[in-house]
C-alpha atoms as a PDB file:
ATOM      1  CA  MET A   1      -1.353  49.795 160.347  1.00  0.00           C
ATOM      2  CA  THR A   2      -1.202  46.159 161.142  1.00  0.00           C
ATOM      3  CA  THR A   3      -3.022  43.745 158.762  1.00  0.00           C
ATOM      4  CA  THR A   4      -4.915  40.790 160.691  1.00  0.00           C
ATOM      5  CA  PRO A   5      -4.539  37.669 158.500  1.00  0.00           C
ATOM      6  CA  THR A   6      -7.988  36.200 157.644  1.00  0.00           C
ATOM      7  CA  THR A   7      -8.693  32.328 158.054  1.00  0.00           C
ATOM      8  CA  THR A   8     -10.713  30.948 155.203  1.00  0.00           C
ATOM      9  CA  PRO A   9     -12.493  28.233 156.248  1.00  0.00           C
ATOM     10  CA  THR A  10     -11.428  24.626 154.612  1.00  0.00           C
ATOM     11  CA  THR A  11     -13.871  22.353 153.211  1.00  0.00           C
ATOM     12  CA  THR A  12     -13.954  18.674 153.843  1.00  0.00           C
ATOM     13  CA  PRO A  13     -15.216  16.838 150.885  1.00  0.00           C
ATOM     14  CA  ALA A  14     -18.263  14.999 151.575  1.00  0.00           C
ATOM     15  CA  ALA A  15     -16.398  11.471 150.327  1.00  0.00           C
ATOM     16  CA  VAL A  16     -13.899  12.155 153.107  1.00  0.00           C
ATOM     17  CA  ARG A  17     -16.415  12.936 155.455  1.00  0.00           C
ATOM     18  CA  ARG A  18     -17.749   9.703 155.020  1.00  0.00           C
ATOM     19  CA  GLY A  19     -14.631   7.641 154.827  1.00  0.00           C
ATOM     20  CA  ALA A  20     -13.449   9.447 158.508  1.00  0.00           C
ATOM     21  CA  LEU A  21     -17.279   7.818 159.672  1.00  0.00           C
ATOM     22  CA  ALA A  22     -16.832   4.779 158.104  1.00  0.00           C
ATOM     23  CA  PRO A  23     -15.007   2.165 160.371  1.00  0.00           C
ATOM     24  CA  ALA A  24     -11.478   1.213 159.879  1.00  0.00           C
ATOM     25  CA  PRO A  25     -11.198  -2.603 158.254  1.00  0.00           C
ATOM     26  CA  ALA A  26      -7.685  -2.544 160.523  1.00  0.00           C
ATOM     27  CA  ALA A  27     -10.113  -4.554 163.049  1.00  0.00           C
ATOM     28  CA  ALA A  28     -12.008  -7.058 160.889  1.00  0.00           C
ATOM     29  CA  GLN A  29      -8.482  -7.881 158.490  1.00  0.00           C
ATOM     30  CA  ARG A  30      -6.874  -8.787 162.135  1.00  0.00           C
ATOM     31  CA  ARG A  31      -9.433 -11.013 162.678  1.00  0.00           C
ATOM     32  CA  GLY A  32      -9.573 -12.666 159.345  1.00  0.00           C
ATOM     33  CA  GLY A  33      -5.917 -12.989 159.356  1.00  0.00           C
ATOM     34  CA  ALA A  34      -6.046 -15.004 163.347  1.00  0.00           C
ATOM     35  CA  LEU A  35      -8.467 -17.303 161.902  1.00  0.00           C
ATOM     36  CA  VAL A  36      -6.193 -18.184 158.621  1.00  0.00           C
ATOM     37  CA  ARG A  37      -3.282 -18.485 161.170  1.00  0.00           C
ATOM     38  CA  MET A  38      -4.851 -20.328 163.380  1.00  0.00           C
ATOM     39  CA  ILE A  39      -6.048 -22.698 160.334  1.00  0.00           C
ATOM     40  CA  VAL A  40      -2.546 -22.624 158.915  1.00  0.00           C
ATOM     41  CA  SER A  41      -1.229 -23.481 162.642  1.00  0.00           C
ATOM     42  CA  GLU A  42      -3.672 -26.659 163.575  1.00  0.00           C
ATOM     43  CA  ALA A  43      -2.920 -28.153 159.725  1.00  0.00           C
ATOM     44  CA  ARG A  44       0.522 -28.022 160.321  1.00  0.00           C
ATOM     45  CA  LEU A  45       0.341 -29.473 163.840  1.00  0.00           C
ATOM     46  CA  LEU A  46      -2.166 -32.571 162.474  1.00  0.00           C
ATOM     47  CA  VAL A  47       0.325 -33.423 159.772  1.00  0.00           C
ATOM     48  CA  ARG A  48       3.042 -33.347 162.213  1.00  0.00           C
ATOM     49  CA  ASP A  49       1.829 -35.556 164.552  1.00  0.00           C
ATOM     50  CA  PRO A  50       1.762 -38.992 163.173  1.00  0.00           C
ATOM     51  CA  ALA A  51      -0.965 -40.379 165.844  1.00  0.00           C
ATOM     52  CA  ALA A  52      -3.289 -37.516 164.793  1.00  0.00           C
ATOM     53  CA  ALA A  53      -2.530 -37.719 161.409  1.00  0.00           C
ATOM     54  CA  PHE A  54      -3.182 -41.374 161.625  1.00  0.00           C
ATOM     55  CA  PHE A  55      -6.570 -41.552 163.035  1.00  0.00           C
ATOM     56  CA  SER A  56      -7.840 -38.626 160.595  1.00  0.00           C
ATOM     57  CA  LEU A  57      -6.303 -39.454 157.501  1.00  0.00           C
ATOM     58  CA  GLY A  58      -5.385 -43.684 157.310  1.00  0.00           C
ATOM     59  CA  PHE A  59      -7.797 -44.993 160.127  1.00  0.00           C
ATOM     60  CA  PRO A  60     -10.592 -45.298 157.875  1.00  0.00           C
ATOM     61  CA  VAL A  61      -9.146 -46.766 154.776  1.00  0.00           C
ATOM     62  CA  VAL A  62      -7.539 -49.325 157.120  1.00  0.00           C
ATOM     63  CA  LEU A  63     -10.378 -50.322 158.693  1.00  0.00           C
ATOM     64  CA  ILE A  64     -12.714 -50.877 155.819  1.00  0.00           C
ATOM     65  CA  THR A  65     -10.509 -52.814 153.855  1.00  0.00           C
ATOM     66  CA  VAL A  66      -9.824 -54.969 157.034  1.00  0.00           C
ATOM     67  CA  LEU A  67     -13.067 -55.581 157.916  1.00  0.00           C
ATOM     68  CA  GLY A  68     -13.933 -56.435 154.101  1.00  0.00           C
ATOM     69  CA  LEU A  69     -10.895 -59.365 153.736  1.00  0.00           C
ATOM     70  CA  VAL A  70     -11.608 -60.530 157.135  1.00  0.00           C
ATOM     71  CA  MET A  71     -14.414 -60.927 158.013  1.00  0.00           C
ATOM     72  CA  PRO A  72     -17.047 -63.258 156.518  1.00  0.00           C
ATOM     73  CA  TRP A  73     -19.641 -61.714 156.784  1.00  0.00           C
ATOM     74  CA  SER A  74     -18.898 -59.432 154.127  1.00  0.00           C
ATOM     75  CA  ASP A  75     -19.957 -60.196 150.802  1.00  0.00           C
ATOM     76  CA  ASP A  76     -23.211 -61.402 152.730  1.00  0.00           C
ATOM     77  CA  PRO A  77     -26.601 -59.788 152.273  1.00  0.00           C
ATOM     78  CA  PHE A  78     -26.480 -56.527 154.722  1.00  0.00           C
ATOM     79  CA  ASN A  79     -29.561 -57.794 155.868  1.00  0.00           C
ATOM     80  CA  ASP A  80     -31.854 -60.221 154.103  1.00  0.00           C
ATOM     81  CA  GLN A  81     -35.395 -58.768 155.722  1.00  0.00           C
ATOM     82  CA  ASP A  82     -35.329 -55.536 154.410  1.00  0.00           C
ATOM     83  CA  PRO A  83     -35.496 -55.286 150.557  1.00  0.00           C
ATOM     84  CA  LEU A  84     -33.320 -52.296 149.781  1.00  0.00           C
ATOM     85  CA  LEU A  85     -30.587 -53.335 152.246  1.00  0.00           C
ATOM     86  CA  ALA A  86     -31.255 -57.074 151.118  1.00  0.00           C
ATOM     87  CA  GLN A  87     -29.669 -55.500 147.254  1.00  0.00           C
ATOM     88  CA  ILE A  88     -25.876 -54.397 149.064  1.00  0.00           C
ATOM     89  CA  SER A  89     -23.552 -56.681 150.964  1.00  0.00           C
ATOM     90  CA  GLY A  90     -22.756 -56.315 154.191  1.00  0.00           C
ATOM     91  CA  ILE A  91     -19.677 -54.452 153.549  1.00  0.00           C
ATOM     92  CA  THR A  92     -21.235 -52.448 151.624  1.00  0.00           C
ATOM     93  CA  GLY A  93     -23.848 -51.716 154.524  1.00  0.00           C
ATOM     94  CA  TYR A  94     -20.778 -51.459 156.815  1.00  0.00           C
ATOM     95  CA  THR A  95     -19.187 -48.557 154.928  1.00  0.00           C
ATOM     96  CA  PRO A  96     -21.461 -45.313 156.167  1.00  0.00           C
ATOM     97  CA  ILE A  97     -20.719 -47.126 159.952  1.00  0.00           C
ATOM     98  CA  VAL A  98     -16.849 -46.478 159.232  1.00  0.00           C
ATOM     99  CA  LEU A  99     -17.215 -43.421 157.908  1.00  0.00           C
ATOM    100  CA  SER A 100     -19.598 -42.381 161.054  1.00  0.00           C
ATOM    101  CA  LEU A 101     -17.080 -43.932 163.479  1.00  0.00           C
ATOM    102  CA  ALA A 102     -14.011 -41.797 161.571  1.00  0.00           C
ATOM    103  CA  ILE A 103     -15.728 -38.762 162.231  1.00  0.00           C
ATOM    104  CA  ALA A 104     -16.622 -39.925 166.109  1.00  0.00           C
ATOM    105  CA  THR A 105     -12.781 -40.709 166.750  1.00  0.00           C
ATOM    106  CA  ILE A 106     -11.337 -37.175 165.472  1.00  0.00           C
ATOM    107  CA  GLY A 107     -14.484 -35.226 166.576  1.00  0.00           C
ATOM    108  CA  LEU A 108     -15.375 -36.705 170.301  1.00  0.00           C
ATOM    109  CA  SER A 109     -11.777 -38.499 170.785  1.00  0.00           C
ATOM    110  CA  SER A 110      -9.451 -36.374 170.351  1.00  0.00           C
ATOM    111  CA  PHE A 111     -10.640 -32.518 168.994  1.00  0.00           C
ATOM    112  CA  PRO A 112     -11.773 -32.313 173.253  1.00  0.00           C
ATOM    113  CA  VAL A 113      -8.793 -33.560 174.281  1.00  0.00           C
ATOM    114  CA  THR A 114      -6.466 -31.216 172.193  1.00  0.00           C
ATOM    115  CA  VAL A 115      -8.656 -28.403 173.468  1.00  0.00           C
ATOM    116  CA  ALA A 116      -8.404 -29.087 176.888  1.00  0.00           C
ATOM    117  CA  THR A 117      -4.382 -29.769 176.329  1.00  0.00           C
ATOM    118  CA  TYR A 118      -3.908 -26.264 175.352  1.00  0.00           C
ATOM    119  CA  ARG A 119      -5.874 -24.857 178.313  1.00  0.00           C
ATOM    120  CA  GLN A 120      -3.847 -27.041 180.750  1.00  0.00           C
ATOM    121  CA  ARG A 121      -0.879 -25.729 179.087  1.00  0.00           C
ATOM    122  CA  GLY A 122      -1.694 -21.732 179.176  1.00  0.00           C
ATOM    123  CA  VAL A 123      -1.496 -21.920 175.296  1.00  0.00           C
ATOM    124  CA  LEU A 124      -5.331 -20.466 175.776  1.00  0.00           C
ATOM    125  CA  ARG A 125      -4.511 -18.202 178.609  1.00  0.00           C
ATOM    126  CA  ARG A 126      -1.645 -16.474 175.967  1.00  0.00           C
ATOM    127  CA  LEU A 127      -4.675 -16.694 172.965  1.00  0.00           C
ATOM    128  CA  SER A 128      -7.190 -14.671 175.319  1.00  0.00           C
ATOM    129  CA  THR A 129      -4.576 -11.642 174.846  1.00  0.00           C
ATOM    130  CA  THR A 130      -5.053 -11.850 171.220  1.00  0.00           C
ATOM    131  CA  PRO A 131      -8.106 -11.485 167.854  1.00  0.00           C
ATOM    132  CA  VAL A 132      -8.965 -15.431 168.531  1.00  0.00           C
ATOM    133  CA  GLY A 133     -12.013 -15.611 170.329  1.00  0.00           C
ATOM    134  CA  PRO A 134     -13.079 -19.056 171.199  1.00  0.00           C
ATOM    135  CA  ALA A 135     -15.708 -18.864 168.304  1.00  0.00           C
ATOM    136  CA  ARG A 136     -12.495 -18.563 165.851  1.00  0.00           C
ATOM    137  CA  LEU A 137     -10.687 -21.382 167.639  1.00  0.00           C
ATOM    138  CA  LEU A 138     -13.599 -23.605 167.558  1.00  0.00           C
ATOM    139  CA  VAL A 139     -13.785 -22.707 163.535  1.00  0.00           C
ATOM    140  CA  ALA A 140     -10.540 -23.501 162.822  1.00  0.00           C
ATOM    141  CA  GLN A 141     -10.174 -27.260 164.559  1.00  0.00           C
ATOM    142  CA  VAL A 142     -13.424 -27.885 162.707  1.00  0.00           C
ATOM    143  CA  LEU A 143     -12.424 -26.880 159.440  1.00  0.00           C
ATOM    144  CA  VAL A 144      -8.536 -28.508 160.152  1.00  0.00           C
ATOM    145  CA  ASN A 145     -10.471 -31.699 160.943  1.00  0.00           C
ATOM    146  CA  LEU A 146     -13.289 -31.689 158.372  1.00  0.00           C
ATOM    147  CA  GLY A 147     -10.299 -31.169 155.726  1.00  0.00           C
ATOM    148  CA  ALA A 148      -8.786 -34.029 156.670  1.00  0.00           C
ATOM    149  CA  LEU A 149     -12.057 -36.242 157.059  1.00  0.00           C
ATOM    150  CA  VAL A 150     -13.290 -35.524 153.096  1.00  0.00           C
ATOM    151  CA  VAL A 151     -10.114 -37.038 152.576  1.00  0.00           C
ATOM    152  CA  ALA A 152      -9.858 -40.008 154.578  1.00  0.00           C
ATOM    153  CA  ALA A 153     -13.357 -40.903 153.175  1.00  0.00           C
ATOM    154  CA  ALA A 154     -12.267 -40.403 149.910  1.00  0.00           C
ATOM    155  CA  LEU A 155      -9.615 -42.448 150.535  1.00  0.00           C
ATOM    156  CA  ALA A 156     -12.113 -45.278 152.149  1.00  0.00           C
ATOM    157  CA  LEU A 157     -13.821 -45.197 149.538  1.00  0.00           C
ATOM    158  CA  VAL A 158     -11.148 -45.699 146.557  1.00  0.00           C
ATOM    159  CA  SER A 159      -9.774 -48.454 148.527  1.00  0.00           C
ATOM    160  CA  ALA A 160     -12.882 -50.147 149.338  1.00  0.00           C
ATOM    161  CA  VAL A 161     -13.913 -49.740 145.976  1.00  0.00           C
ATOM    162  CA  VAL A 162     -11.071 -51.232 144.133  1.00  0.00           C
ATOM    163  CA  VAL A 163     -10.042 -53.437 146.722  1.00  0.00           C
ATOM    164  CA  LEU A 164     -13.363 -54.496 147.669  1.00  0.00           C
ATOM    165  CA  ASP A 165     -15.815 -54.341 144.909  1.00  0.00           C
ATOM    166  CA  ILE A 166     -18.388 -51.759 147.238  1.00  0.00           C
ATOM    167  CA  ASP A 167     -21.375 -50.752 145.275  1.00  0.00           C
ATOM    168  CA  LEU A 168     -21.086 -46.779 145.247  1.00  0.00           C
ATOM    169  CA  PRO A 169     -24.457 -44.624 146.915  1.00  0.00           C
ATOM    170  CA  ARG A 170     -27.217 -44.418 144.710  1.00  0.00           C
ATOM    171  CA  GLN A 171     -27.472 -40.619 146.080  1.00  0.00           C
ATOM    172  CA  PRO A 172     -23.973 -39.907 146.411  1.00  0.00           C
ATOM    173  CA  TRP A 173     -25.303 -35.794 147.301  1.00  0.00           C
ATOM    174  CA  THR A 174     -27.626 -36.598 149.772  1.00  0.00           C
ATOM    175  CA  VAL A 175     -24.403 -39.043 151.013  1.00  0.00           C
ATOM    176  CA  ALA A 176     -22.321 -35.620 151.115  1.00  0.00           C
ATOM    177  CA  LEU A 177     -24.527 -33.438 152.637  1.00  0.00           C
ATOM    178  CA  ALA A 178     -25.624 -36.482 155.507  1.00  0.00           C
ATOM    179  CA  PHE A 179     -21.420 -36.559 155.847  1.00  0.00           C
ATOM    180  CA  LEU A 180     -21.412 -32.872 156.272  1.00  0.00           C
ATOM    181  CA  LEU A 181     -24.179 -32.635 158.713  1.00  0.00           C
ATOM    182  CA  ALA A 182     -22.142 -35.394 160.781  1.00  0.00           C
ATOM    183  CA  VAL A 183     -19.431 -33.864 160.830  1.00  0.00           C
ATOM    184  CA  LEU A 184     -20.927 -30.183 161.643  1.00  0.00           C
ATOM    185  CA  SER A 185     -23.223 -31.939 164.569  1.00  0.00           C
ATOM    186  CA  VAL A 186     -20.408 -34.636 166.295  1.00  0.00           C
ATOM    187  CA  PHE A 187     -18.166 -31.529 166.319  1.00  0.00           C
ATOM    188  CA  GLY A 188     -20.870 -29.230 168.540  1.00  0.00           C
ATOM    189  CA  LEU A 189     -21.305 -31.827 170.576  1.00  0.00           C
ATOM    190  CA  GLY A 190     -17.544 -32.283 171.284  1.00  0.00           C
ATOM    191  CA  ALA A 191     -17.008 -28.684 171.672  1.00  0.00           C
ATOM    192  CA  LEU A 192     -19.307 -28.290 174.122  1.00  0.00           C
ATOM    193  CA  ILE A 193     -16.831 -30.961 175.997  1.00  0.00           C
ATOM    194  CA  ALA A 194     -13.728 -28.842 175.034  1.00  0.00           C
ATOM    195  CA  ALA A 195     -15.310 -25.655 175.864  1.00  0.00           C
ATOM    196  CA  ARG A 196     -15.385 -26.735 179.380  1.00  0.00           C
ATOM    197  CA  ALA A 197     -12.964 -29.366 180.329  1.00  0.00           C
ATOM    198  CA  ALA A 198     -10.073 -28.581 182.635  1.00  0.00           C
ATOM    199  CA  THR A 199      -7.601 -30.833 182.418  1.00  0.00           C
ATOM    200  CA  THR A 200      -6.768 -33.456 179.060  1.00  0.00           C
ATOM    201  CA  GLY A 201      -7.857 -35.942 181.449  1.00  0.00           C
ATOM    202  CA  ALA A 202     -11.368 -34.634 182.099  1.00  0.00           C
ATOM    203  CA  ALA A 203     -11.880 -34.050 178.245  1.00  0.00           C
ATOM    204  CA  ASN A 204     -10.422 -37.511 177.751  1.00  0.00           C
ATOM    205  CA  GLY A 205     -13.329 -39.344 179.997  1.00  0.00           C
ATOM    206  CA  LEU A 206     -16.600 -37.202 178.838  1.00  0.00           C
ATOM    207  CA  GLY A 207     -15.076 -37.422 175.424  1.00  0.00           C
ATOM    208  CA  MET A 208     -14.448 -41.232 175.530  1.00  0.00           C
ATOM    209  CA  THR A 209     -17.949 -41.864 177.621  1.00  0.00           C
ATOM    210  CA  ALA A 210     -19.853 -40.205 174.393  1.00  0.00           C
ATOM    211  CA  TYR A 211     -17.862 -41.819 171.938  1.00  0.00           C
ATOM    212  CA  PHE A 212     -18.718 -45.258 172.888  1.00  0.00           C
ATOM    213  CA  VAL A 213     -22.660 -44.022 173.919  1.00  0.00           C
ATOM    214  CA  SER A 214     -22.469 -42.738 170.271  1.00  0.00           C
ATOM    215  CA  LEU A 215     -20.555 -45.720 168.803  1.00  0.00           C
ATOM    216  CA  PHE A 216     -23.024 -47.911 169.638  1.00  0.00           C
ATOM    217  CA  PHE A 217     -26.052 -45.534 168.480  1.00  0.00           C
ATOM    218  CA  ALA A 218     -24.363 -45.494 165.530  1.00  0.00           C
ATOM    219  CA  GLY A 219     -24.212 -49.436 164.919  1.00  0.00           C
ATOM    220  CA  VAL A 220     -20.923 -50.162 165.179  1.00  0.00           C
ATOM    221  CA  TRP A 221     -20.912 -53.050 166.840  1.00  0.00           C
ATOM    222  CA  MET A 222     -24.485 -54.186 165.701  1.00  0.00           C
ATOM    223  CA  PRO A 223     -25.853 -52.376 162.668  1.00  0.00           C
ATOM    224  CA  LEU A 224     -29.105 -50.372 163.451  1.00  0.00           C
ATOM    225  CA  PRO A 225     -31.450 -52.134 160.821  1.00  0.00           C
ATOM    226  CA  ILE A 226     -31.700 -55.385 163.079  1.00  0.00           C
ATOM    227  CA  MET A 227     -31.414 -53.685 166.513  1.00  0.00           C
ATOM    228  CA  PRO A 228     -34.748 -53.163 168.079  1.00  0.00           C
ATOM    229  CA  GLU A 229     -36.979 -50.337 166.871  1.00  0.00           C
ATOM    230  CA  VAL A 230     -36.650 -48.937 170.094  1.00  0.00           C
ATOM    231  CA  VAL A 231     -32.485 -48.715 169.794  1.00  0.00           C
ATOM    232  CA  GLN A 232     -33.153 -47.188 166.147  1.00  0.00           C
ATOM    233  CA  THR A 233     -35.618 -44.762 167.420  1.00  0.00           C
ATOM    234  CA  ILE A 234     -33.655 -43.332 169.988  1.00  0.00           C
ATOM    235  CA  ALA A 235     -30.579 -43.393 167.683  1.00  0.00           C
ATOM    236  CA  THR A 236     -32.800 -41.033 165.200  1.00  0.00           C
ATOM    237  CA  TYR A 237     -32.377 -38.183 167.396  1.00  0.00           C
ATOM    238  CA  LEU A 238     -28.684 -38.916 168.148  1.00  0.00           C
ATOM    239  CA  PRO A 239     -25.985 -36.893 165.780  1.00  0.00           C
ATOM    240  CA  LEU A 240     -24.021 -40.212 164.879  1.00  0.00           C
ATOM    241  CA  GLY A 241     -27.100 -42.432 165.048  1.00  0.00           C
ATOM    242  CA  ALA A 242     -28.769 -40.167 162.599  1.00  0.00           C
ATOM    243  CA  ALA A 243     -25.463 -39.818 160.553  1.00  0.00           C
ATOM    244  CA  THR A 244     -25.366 -43.419 160.315  1.00  0.00           C
ATOM    245  CA  GLN A 245     -29.502 -43.890 159.344  1.00  0.00           C
ATOM    246  CA  ALA A 246     -28.891 -41.049 156.720  1.00  0.00           C
ATOM    247  CA  MET A 247     -26.209 -42.242 154.628  1.00  0.00           C
ATOM    248  CA  THR A 248     -27.337 -45.530 154.751  1.00  0.00           C
ATOM    249  CA  ASP A 249     -30.751 -44.389 153.260  1.00  0.00           C
ATOM    250  CA  ALA A 250     -28.727 -42.184 150.872  1.00  0.00           C
ATOM    251  CA  TRP A 251     -26.440 -44.947 149.687  1.00  0.00           C
ATOM    252  CA  VAL A 252     -29.210 -48.010 148.781  1.00  0.00           C
ATOM    253  CA  GLY A 253     -31.700 -44.876 147.397  1.00  0.00           C
ATOM    254  CA  ALA A 254     -34.134 -44.419 149.951  1.00  0.00           C
ATOM    255  CA  PRO A 255     -36.429 -41.675 150.472  1.00  0.00           C
ATOM    256  CA  PHE A 256     -34.701 -38.482 151.487  1.00  0.00           C
ATOM    257  CA  PRO A 257     -33.542 -38.954 155.401  1.00  0.00           C
ATOM    258  CA  THR A 258     -35.299 -35.624 156.362  1.00  0.00           C
ATOM    259  CA  GLN A 259     -35.837 -36.087 160.071  1.00  0.00           C
ATOM    260  CA  GLN A 260     -32.402 -37.112 160.348  1.00  0.00           C
ATOM    261  CA  MET A 261     -30.900 -34.214 158.638  1.00  0.00           C
ATOM    262  CA  VAL A 262     -33.113 -32.274 160.670  1.00  0.00           C
ATOM    263  CA  VAL A 263     -31.736 -33.398 163.824  1.00  0.00           C
ATOM    264  CA  MET A 264     -28.206 -33.386 162.858  1.00  0.00           C
ATOM    265  CA  ALA A 265     -28.711 -29.866 161.703  1.00  0.00           C
ATOM    266  CA  LEU A 266     -30.451 -28.767 164.439  1.00  0.00           C
ATOM    267  CA  TRP A 267     -27.422 -29.996 166.895  1.00  0.00           C
ATOM    268  CA  ALA A 268     -24.812 -28.187 164.978  1.00  0.00           C
ATOM    269  CA  ALA A 269     -26.873 -25.272 165.430  1.00  0.00           C
ATOM    270  CA  VAL A 270     -27.468 -25.014 169.332  1.00  0.00           C
ATOM    271  CA  ALA A 271     -24.273 -27.062 170.305  1.00  0.00           C
ATOM    272  CA  THR A 272     -21.652 -24.899 168.569  1.00  0.00           C
ATOM    273  CA  PRO A 273     -23.029 -21.538 169.531  1.00  0.00           C
ATOM    274  CA  VAL A 274     -23.382 -22.891 173.484  1.00  0.00           C
ATOM    275  CA  ALA A 275     -20.249 -24.235 173.178  1.00  0.00           C
ATOM    276  CA  VAL A 276     -18.754 -20.400 172.051  1.00  0.00           C
ATOM    277  CA  ARG A 277     -20.684 -18.587 175.022  1.00  0.00           C
ATOM    278  CA  ILE A 278     -19.890 -20.979 177.894  1.00  0.00           C
ATOM    279  CA  PHE A 279     -15.961 -21.645 176.744  1.00  0.00           C
ATOM    280  CA  ARG A 280     -12.801 -20.756 179.272  1.00  0.00           C
ATOM    281  CA  TRP A 281      -9.839 -19.762 178.248  1.00  0.00           C
ATOM    282  CA  SER A 282      -8.421 -21.446 181.895  1.00  0.00           C
END
């Protein structure tokens, strides 16, 4: 007589069943690893490029030092018509403008051209087959350049204090917040150019147009406090103009520049997601 073997049903522990149903972390780890590798790669490329390294790290130091040593107005009151601005020297009042200029040089000139060069050479087309999405590419660029700009700003301030004896900001944390929002908002504008410019030439043309317009409203050629009221009003609603106004107000101890901070935050919150949305790989 043949005995039929009986099959004993196996039970799967609840913990194992929950583990099987949970999403595998491999994809998230790959995405996180791709971002880290992209940041490291972009940082290495920045350091290895002498021109990019100079304009990212050395340009603000050289500019503020030369202006302070050469310009005859550097020791005069920044604006003798304003009770707060009259308390600081011309070179102290120009320091926030130099910081804004440094941000614009990278965010509107170098950054869009770098991404467009990747697109023109087919690098982006190859990256499109990897876990690196447009958001990670733009985030990597912003983080690397933000780190470089923080170092450049610190070097410029140290040089200005030691060599030129400028006044330190009365509200340093407000200056730091304005600087951070300035980087995010200006790079948001630069990301819109970088997302669509098909060639290096197109990115350079669009970026330099936005660059020089922004410099005018940031007060590079003529300080904003002595510009016509209409120019100051327009500048308040542009990333770089708002940045200069916010940092200057914080430098002299004026009330918190709420309007300028909100403007920069809105530019960053709107422009960057739009750039990710319209990003083209080729």
